[in-house]
Amino acid sequence: MAPRNTTLFCLGNFPIPTISATPGFMVPCNESVKISCWGTPESYLYQLEILRNSTYEVVEKKLGFQKAAEFVINHMDTNTAGRYRCRYMKQFNWSEHSEALELVVTGMYDKPFLFADEGLVVMIGQNISLHCSSAHVPFDRYLLSNEGGAALSLHQNGTRQGDFILGPANLSFSGRYTYSEPLHDGEFDPHGRSRAGPRGALGHTG
């Protein structure tokens, strides 16, 4: 019996899409943000979804053969802030969903205060105590972020101050840090952020 060539097709086994926000995931109230969903050049349909009441809902779809699709939110507020994800269609099959991207809106509350126990210059190997203080309103969660976009979240129980302990310090700790209070006692929308607090610049000494 003569051998026959066999071609196997694997449908639906596509690269997982990636999702990002420009200029970043923290957006001032009423300003715009661009969400990008990256797939493959053969993708002909992209779908953006947002999490509402424990269920993802479709926000928008984009048609056209392209490696990435862009979705624009023109006015950021507590209704458009939230957890987003995306996926694309190729060969009549959906890809897996991207990882979640949480967009937060800032400027909903007064600015917090930012200070460090050790001052702005610390020794290599030293721990750093950073504090975010709210003058009047207690919050349940505080957010610390730096210039590189990395962020730490701290859960508190309705307090006026969030305390972060970082370290031991190394060269990567240098830079500017910003605080905000993402969640207030469960009474406000969980995606309403305070205005970012004054930036603190940390340096190091050998």
C-alpha atoms as a PDB file:
ATOM      1  CA  MET A   1       0.000   0.000   0.000  1.00  0.00           C
ATOM      2  CA  ALA A   2       1.490   3.319  -1.058  1.00  0.00           C
ATOM      3  CA  PRO A   3       2.185   5.798   1.755  1.00  0.00           C
ATOM      4  CA  ARG A   4      -0.025   8.871   1.894  1.00  0.00           C
ATOM      5  CA  ASN A   5       0.859  12.312   3.168  1.00  0.00           C
ATOM      6  CA  THR A   6      -1.268  13.407   6.102  1.00  0.00           C
ATOM      7  CA  THR A   7      -1.633  16.997   7.285  1.00  0.00           C
ATOM      8  CA  LEU A   8      -2.909  17.624  10.784  1.00  0.00           C
ATOM      9  CA  PHE A   9      -4.632  20.865  11.773  1.00  0.00           C
ATOM     10  CA  CYS A  10      -4.928  21.969  15.400  1.00  0.00           C
ATOM     11  CA  LEU A  11      -7.799  24.415  15.706  1.00  0.00           C
ATOM     12  CA  GLY A  12      -8.146  26.709  18.673  1.00  0.00           C
ATOM     13  CA  ASN A  13      -4.577  26.240  19.901  1.00  0.00           C
ATOM     14  CA  PHE A  14      -3.649  29.924  19.530  1.00  0.00           C
ATOM     15  CA  PRO A  15      -1.225  32.166  21.404  1.00  0.00           C
ATOM     16  CA  ILE A  16      -2.796  33.714  24.480  1.00  0.00           C
ATOM     17  CA  PRO A  17      -3.541  37.410  23.820  1.00  0.00           C
ATOM     18  CA  THR A  18      -1.965  40.155  25.876  1.00  0.00           C
ATOM     19  CA  ILE A  19      -3.712  43.284  27.104  1.00  0.00           C
ATOM     20  CA  SER A  20      -2.259  46.644  28.107  1.00  0.00           C
ATOM     21  CA  ALA A  21      -3.322  50.215  28.847  1.00  0.00           C
ATOM     22  CA  THR A  22      -1.795  53.477  27.601  1.00  0.00           C
ATOM     23  CA  PRO A  23      -0.696  55.679  29.309  1.00  0.00           C
ATOM     24  CA  GLY A  24      -1.208  53.301  32.263  1.00  0.00           C
ATOM     25  CA  PHE A  25      -3.685  51.446  34.460  1.00  0.00           C
ATOM     26  CA  MET A  26      -4.276  54.434  36.766  1.00  0.00           C
ATOM     27  CA  VAL A  27      -6.335  57.058  34.890  1.00  0.00           C
ATOM     28  CA  PRO A  28      -7.423  60.484  36.184  1.00  0.00           C
ATOM     29  CA  CYS A  29     -11.168  61.024  36.304  1.00  0.00           C
ATOM     30  CA  ASN A  30     -12.695  62.171  32.967  1.00  0.00           C
ATOM     31  CA  GLU A  31      -9.478  61.522  31.028  1.00  0.00           C
ATOM     32  CA  SER A  32      -9.061  58.937  28.272  1.00  0.00           C
ATOM     33  CA  VAL A  33      -7.193  55.633  28.148  1.00  0.00           C
ATOM     34  CA  LYS A  34      -6.359  53.281  25.281  1.00  0.00           C
ATOM     35  CA  ILE A  35      -6.642  49.513  25.802  1.00  0.00           C
ATOM     36  CA  SER A  36      -4.633  47.355  23.386  1.00  0.00           C
ATOM     37  CA  CYS A  37      -5.298  43.671  22.778  1.00  0.00           C
ATOM     38  CA  TRP A  38      -2.474  41.804  21.004  1.00  0.00           C
ATOM     39  CA  GLY A  39      -3.199  38.635  19.049  1.00  0.00           C
ATOM     40  CA  THR A  40      -1.871  37.387  15.688  1.00  0.00           C
ATOM     41  CA  PRO A  41      -1.850  38.954  12.182  1.00  0.00           C
ATOM     42  CA  GLU A  42      -4.460  36.387  11.136  1.00  0.00           C
ATOM     43  CA  SER A  43      -6.905  37.478  13.844  1.00  0.00           C
ATOM     44  CA  TYR A  44     -10.009  39.013  12.305  1.00  0.00           C
ATOM     45  CA  LEU A  45     -12.145  39.766  15.364  1.00  0.00           C
ATOM     46  CA  TYR A  46     -11.187  41.136  18.778  1.00  0.00           C
ATOM     47  CA  GLN A  47     -13.476  41.322  21.789  1.00  0.00           C
ATOM     48  CA  LEU A  48     -13.036  43.434  24.934  1.00  0.00           C
ATOM     49  CA  GLU A  49     -14.874  42.436  28.119  1.00  0.00           C
ATOM     50  CA  ILE A  50     -15.345  43.941  31.592  1.00  0.00           C
ATOM     51  CA  LEU A  51     -16.179  42.188  34.860  1.00  0.00           C
ATOM     52  CA  ARG A  52     -19.521  43.284  36.321  1.00  0.00           C
ATOM     53  CA  ASN A  53     -21.309  41.511  39.186  1.00  0.00           C
ATOM     54  CA  SER A  54     -18.988  38.468  38.956  1.00  0.00           C
ATOM     55  CA  THR A  55     -19.701  38.047  35.217  1.00  0.00           C
ATOM     56  CA  TYR A  56     -17.742  39.312  32.220  1.00  0.00           C
ATOM     57  CA  GLU A  57     -19.752  41.409  29.755  1.00  0.00           C
ATOM     58  CA  VAL A  58     -18.811  42.376  26.196  1.00  0.00           C
ATOM     59  CA  VAL A  59     -17.758  46.024  25.938  1.00  0.00           C
ATOM     60  CA  GLU A  60     -16.837  46.273  22.258  1.00  0.00           C
ATOM     61  CA  LYS A  61     -15.787  44.205  19.233  1.00  0.00           C
ATOM     62  CA  LYS A  62     -13.330  45.174  16.484  1.00  0.00           C
ATOM     63  CA  LEU A  63     -13.286  43.601  13.001  1.00  0.00           C
ATOM     64  CA  GLY A  64     -10.311  43.480  10.620  1.00  0.00           C
ATOM     65  CA  PHE A  65      -7.248  41.321  10.021  1.00  0.00           C
ATOM     66  CA  GLN A  66      -4.681  42.856  12.355  1.00  0.00           C
ATOM     67  CA  LYS A  67      -2.118  41.840  14.961  1.00  0.00           C
ATOM     68  CA  ALA A  68      -3.664  44.092  17.615  1.00  0.00           C
ATOM     69  CA  ALA A  69      -6.864  46.013  18.245  1.00  0.00           C
ATOM     70  CA  GLU A  70      -7.231  49.273  20.141  1.00  0.00           C
ATOM     71  CA  PHE A  71     -10.203  50.217  22.302  1.00  0.00           C
ATOM     72  CA  VAL A  72     -10.525  53.775  23.605  1.00  0.00           C
ATOM     73  CA  ILE A  73     -12.341  54.873  26.755  1.00  0.00           C
ATOM     74  CA  ASN A  74     -12.868  58.594  26.267  1.00  0.00           C
ATOM     75  CA  HIS A  75     -14.016  59.552  29.766  1.00  0.00           C
ATOM     76  CA  MET A  76     -12.756  57.500  32.687  1.00  0.00           C
ATOM     77  CA  ASP A  77     -15.084  57.294  35.703  1.00  0.00           C
ATOM     78  CA  THR A  78     -16.328  54.750  38.227  1.00  0.00           C
ATOM     79  CA  ASN A  79     -18.546  53.139  35.574  1.00  0.00           C
ATOM     80  CA  THR A  80     -15.701  52.466  33.139  1.00  0.00           C
ATOM     81  CA  ALA A  81     -13.102  51.524  35.757  1.00  0.00           C
ATOM     82  CA  GLY A  82     -12.818  47.837  36.507  1.00  0.00           C
ATOM     83  CA  ARG A  83     -11.273  44.539  35.438  1.00  0.00           C
ATOM     84  CA  TYR A  84     -10.900  44.012  31.694  1.00  0.00           C
ATOM     85  CA  ARG A  85      -9.835  41.085  29.543  1.00  0.00           C
ATOM     86  CA  CYS A  86      -9.825  40.371  25.803  1.00  0.00           C
ATOM     87  CA  ARG A  87      -9.689  37.582  23.233  1.00  0.00           C
ATOM     88  CA  TYR A  88      -9.521  37.225  19.456  1.00  0.00           C
ATOM     89  CA  MET A  89     -11.020  34.994  16.780  1.00  0.00           C
ATOM     90  CA  LYS A  90      -8.982  33.150  14.184  1.00  0.00           C
ATOM     91  CA  GLN A  91     -10.092  30.351  11.818  1.00  0.00           C
ATOM     92  CA  PHE A  92     -13.609  30.603  13.287  1.00  0.00           C
ATOM     93  CA  ASN A  93     -12.322  29.760  16.771  1.00  0.00           C
ATOM     94  CA  TRP A  94     -11.863  31.934  19.836  1.00  0.00           C
ATOM     95  CA  SER A  95      -8.513  32.169  21.559  1.00  0.00           C
ATOM     96  CA  GLU A  96      -8.178  31.902  25.311  1.00  0.00           C
ATOM     97  CA  HIS A  97      -8.777  35.077  27.288  1.00  0.00           C
ATOM     98  CA  SER A  98      -5.927  37.367  28.187  1.00  0.00           C
ATOM     99  CA  GLU A  99      -4.885  37.951  31.759  1.00  0.00           C
ATOM    100  CA  ALA A 100      -7.029  40.524  33.547  1.00  0.00           C
ATOM    101  CA  LEU A 101      -6.164  44.211  33.377  1.00  0.00           C
ATOM    102  CA  GLU A 102      -7.565  46.332  36.203  1.00  0.00           C
ATOM    103  CA  LEU A 103      -8.157  49.966  35.302  1.00  0.00           C
ATOM    104  CA  VAL A 104      -8.571  52.365  38.200  1.00  0.00           C
ATOM    105  CA  VAL A 105      -9.775  55.954  38.184  1.00  0.00           C
ATOM    106  CA  THR A 106      -7.982  58.546  40.297  1.00  0.00           C
ATOM    107  CA  GLY A 107      -9.070  61.942  41.540  1.00  0.00           C
ATOM    108  CA  MET A 108     -12.199  60.813  43.380  1.00  0.00           C
ATOM    109  CA  TYR A 109     -10.954  61.742  46.857  1.00  0.00           C
ATOM    110  CA  ASP A 110      -8.481  64.202  48.406  1.00  0.00           C
ATOM    111  CA  LYS A 111      -4.761  63.588  48.085  1.00  0.00           C
ATOM    112  CA  PRO A 112      -3.145  61.375  50.735  1.00  0.00           C
ATOM    113  CA  PHE A 113       0.122  62.237  52.502  1.00  0.00           C
ATOM    114  CA  LEU A 114       3.303  60.300  51.770  1.00  0.00           C
ATOM    115  CA  PHE A 115       6.300  59.986  54.106  1.00  0.00           C
ATOM    116  CA  ALA A 116       9.143  57.603  55.012  1.00  0.00           C
ATOM    117  CA  ASP A 117      10.451  56.945  58.527  1.00  0.00           C
ATOM    118  CA  GLU A 118      14.031  56.638  57.322  1.00  0.00           C
ATOM    119  CA  GLY A 119      14.018  59.786  55.189  1.00  0.00           C
ATOM    120  CA  LEU A 120      14.612  59.927  51.460  1.00  0.00           C
ATOM    121  CA  VAL A 121      18.105  58.388  51.489  1.00  0.00           C
ATOM    122  CA  VAL A 122      18.578  54.837  52.801  1.00  0.00           C
ATOM    123  CA  MET A 123      21.472  52.393  53.108  1.00  0.00           C
ATOM    124  CA  ILE A 124      21.775  49.362  50.850  1.00  0.00           C
ATOM    125  CA  GLY A 125      20.301  46.404  52.756  1.00  0.00           C
ATOM    126  CA  GLN A 126      18.156  48.593  55.009  1.00  0.00           C
ATOM    127  CA  ASN A 127      14.393  48.110  55.322  1.00  0.00           C
ATOM    128  CA  ILE A 128      12.188  51.045  54.377  1.00  0.00           C
ATOM    129  CA  SER A 129       8.942  52.055  56.103  1.00  0.00           C
ATOM    130  CA  LEU A 130       6.638  54.027  53.809  1.00  0.00           C
ATOM    131  CA  HIS A 131       3.349  55.438  55.052  1.00  0.00           C
ATOM    132  CA  CYS A 132       0.285  56.732  53.239  1.00  0.00           C
ATOM    133  CA  SER A 133      -1.985  58.844  55.426  1.00  0.00           C
ATOM    134  CA  SER A 134      -5.533  60.077  54.781  1.00  0.00           C
ATOM    135  CA  ALA A 135      -6.467  63.227  56.656  1.00  0.00           C
ATOM    136  CA  HIS A 136     -10.193  62.612  57.129  1.00  0.00           C
ATOM    137  CA  VAL A 137     -11.527  59.506  55.374  1.00  0.00           C
ATOM    138  CA  PRO A 138     -10.773  55.889  56.446  1.00  0.00           C
ATOM    139  CA  PHE A 139      -9.987  53.406  53.646  1.00  0.00           C
ATOM    140  CA  ASP A 140      -9.865  49.620  53.390  1.00  0.00           C
ATOM    141  CA  ARG A 141      -7.049  49.384  50.835  1.00  0.00           C
ATOM    142  CA  TYR A 142      -3.972  51.422  49.978  1.00  0.00           C
ATOM    143  CA  LEU A 143      -1.914  51.290  46.781  1.00  0.00           C
ATOM    144  CA  LEU A 144       1.802  52.040  46.462  1.00  0.00           C
ATOM    145  CA  SER A 145       3.280  52.408  42.969  1.00  0.00           C
ATOM    146  CA  ASN A 146       6.606  53.521  41.514  1.00  0.00           C
ATOM    147  CA  GLU A 147       7.799  55.043  38.257  1.00  0.00           C
ATOM    148  CA  GLY A 148       8.285  51.642  36.664  1.00  0.00           C
ATOM    149  CA  GLY A 149       4.580  50.843  37.028  1.00  0.00           C
ATOM    150  CA  ALA A 150       4.997  48.192  39.731  1.00  0.00           C
ATOM    151  CA  ALA A 151       2.345  48.396  42.436  1.00  0.00           C
ATOM    152  CA  LEU A 152       1.748  46.955  45.908  1.00  0.00           C
ATOM    153  CA  SER A 153      -1.697  46.691  47.453  1.00  0.00           C
ATOM    154  CA  LEU A 154      -2.247  46.733  51.226  1.00  0.00           C
ATOM    155  CA  HIS A 155      -5.555  45.731  52.807  1.00  0.00           C
ATOM    156  CA  GLN A 156      -6.525  47.553  55.992  1.00  0.00           C
ATOM    157  CA  ASN A 157      -9.726  47.574  58.020  1.00  0.00           C
ATOM    158  CA  GLY A 158     -11.081  51.091  57.649  1.00  0.00           C
ATOM    159  CA  THR A 159      -7.951  52.970  58.734  1.00  0.00           C
ATOM    160  CA  ARG A 160      -6.563  56.408  57.876  1.00  0.00           C
ATOM    161  CA  GLN A 161      -3.035  55.144  57.221  1.00  0.00           C
ATOM    162  CA  GLY A 162      -1.438  52.405  55.140  1.00  0.00           C
ATOM    163  CA  ASP A 163       2.009  51.169  56.215  1.00  0.00           C
ATOM    164  CA  PHE A 164       4.359  49.481  53.742  1.00  0.00           C
ATOM    165  CA  ILE A 165       7.619  47.781  54.721  1.00  0.00           C
ATOM    166  CA  LEU A 166      10.030  47.358  51.793  1.00  0.00           C
ATOM    167  CA  GLY A 167      13.451  45.807  51.746  1.00  0.00           C
ATOM    168  CA  PRO A 168      16.163  44.958  52.126  1.00  0.00           C
ATOM    169  CA  ALA A 169      16.882  47.937  49.857  1.00  0.00           C
ATOM    170  CA  ASN A 170      18.929  47.572  46.679  1.00  0.00           C
ATOM    171  CA  LEU A 171      19.631  49.749  43.643  1.00  0.00           C
ATOM    172  CA  SER A 172      16.203  49.013  42.146  1.00  0.00           C
ATOM    173  CA  PHE A 173      14.485  50.737  45.093  1.00  0.00           C
ATOM    174  CA  SER A 174      15.617  54.200  43.975  1.00  0.00           C
ATOM    175  CA  GLY A 175      12.970  56.273  42.233  1.00  0.00           C
ATOM    176  CA  ARG A 176       9.671  58.040  42.754  1.00  0.00           C
ATOM    177  CA  TYR A 177       6.784  56.475  44.647  1.00  0.00           C
ATOM    178  CA  THR A 178       3.107  57.420  44.657  1.00  0.00           C
ATOM    179  CA  TYR A 179       0.315  56.475  47.064  1.00  0.00           C
ATOM    180  CA  SER A 180      -3.430  56.289  46.608  1.00  0.00           C
ATOM    181  CA  GLU A 181      -6.381  54.894  48.530  1.00  0.00           C
ATOM    182  CA  PRO A 182      -8.335  52.580  46.215  1.00  0.00           C
ATOM    183  CA  LEU A 183     -11.177  51.466  48.452  1.00  0.00           C
ATOM    184  CA  HIS A 184     -13.153  53.363  51.050  1.00  0.00           C
ATOM    185  CA  ASP A 185     -15.012  51.310  53.628  1.00  0.00           C
ATOM    186  CA  GLY A 186     -17.149  49.607  50.982  1.00  0.00           C
ATOM    187  CA  GLU A 187     -19.322  52.724  50.713  1.00  0.00           C
ATOM    188  CA  PHE A 188     -17.841  53.997  47.450  1.00  0.00           C
ATOM    189  CA  ASP A 189     -17.276  52.257  44.139  1.00  0.00           C
ATOM    190  CA  PRO A 190     -14.269  49.937  44.638  1.00  0.00           C
ATOM    191  CA  HIS A 191     -12.594  51.342  41.538  1.00  0.00           C
ATOM    192  CA  GLY A 192     -12.717  54.984  42.683  1.00  0.00           C
ATOM    193  CA  ARG A 193      -9.217  56.132  43.628  1.00  0.00           C
ATOM    194  CA  SER A 194      -8.032  59.147  45.501  1.00  0.00           C
ATOM    195  CA  ARG A 195      -5.871  61.679  43.772  1.00  0.00           C
ATOM    196  CA  ALA A 196      -2.323  60.393  43.785  1.00  0.00           C
ATOM    197  CA  GLY A 197      -0.411  61.677  46.748  1.00  0.00           C
ATOM    198  CA  PRO A 198       2.735  63.789  46.525  1.00  0.00           C
ATOM    199  CA  ARG A 199       5.587  61.775  45.065  1.00  0.00           C
ATOM    200  CA  GLY A 200       8.488  60.773  47.261  1.00  0.00           C
ATOM    201  CA  ALA A 201      11.898  60.210  45.687  1.00  0.00           C
ATOM    202  CA  LEU A 202      13.976  57.503  47.345  1.00  0.00           C
ATOM    203  CA  GLY A 203      17.736  57.397  46.912  1.00  0.00           C
ATOM    204  CA  HIS A 204      20.402  55.087  48.261  1.00  0.00           C
ATOM    205  CA  THR A 205      23.892  55.232  49.645  1.00  0.00           C
ATOM    206  CA  GLY A 206      26.473  52.498  49.508  1.00  0.00           C
END
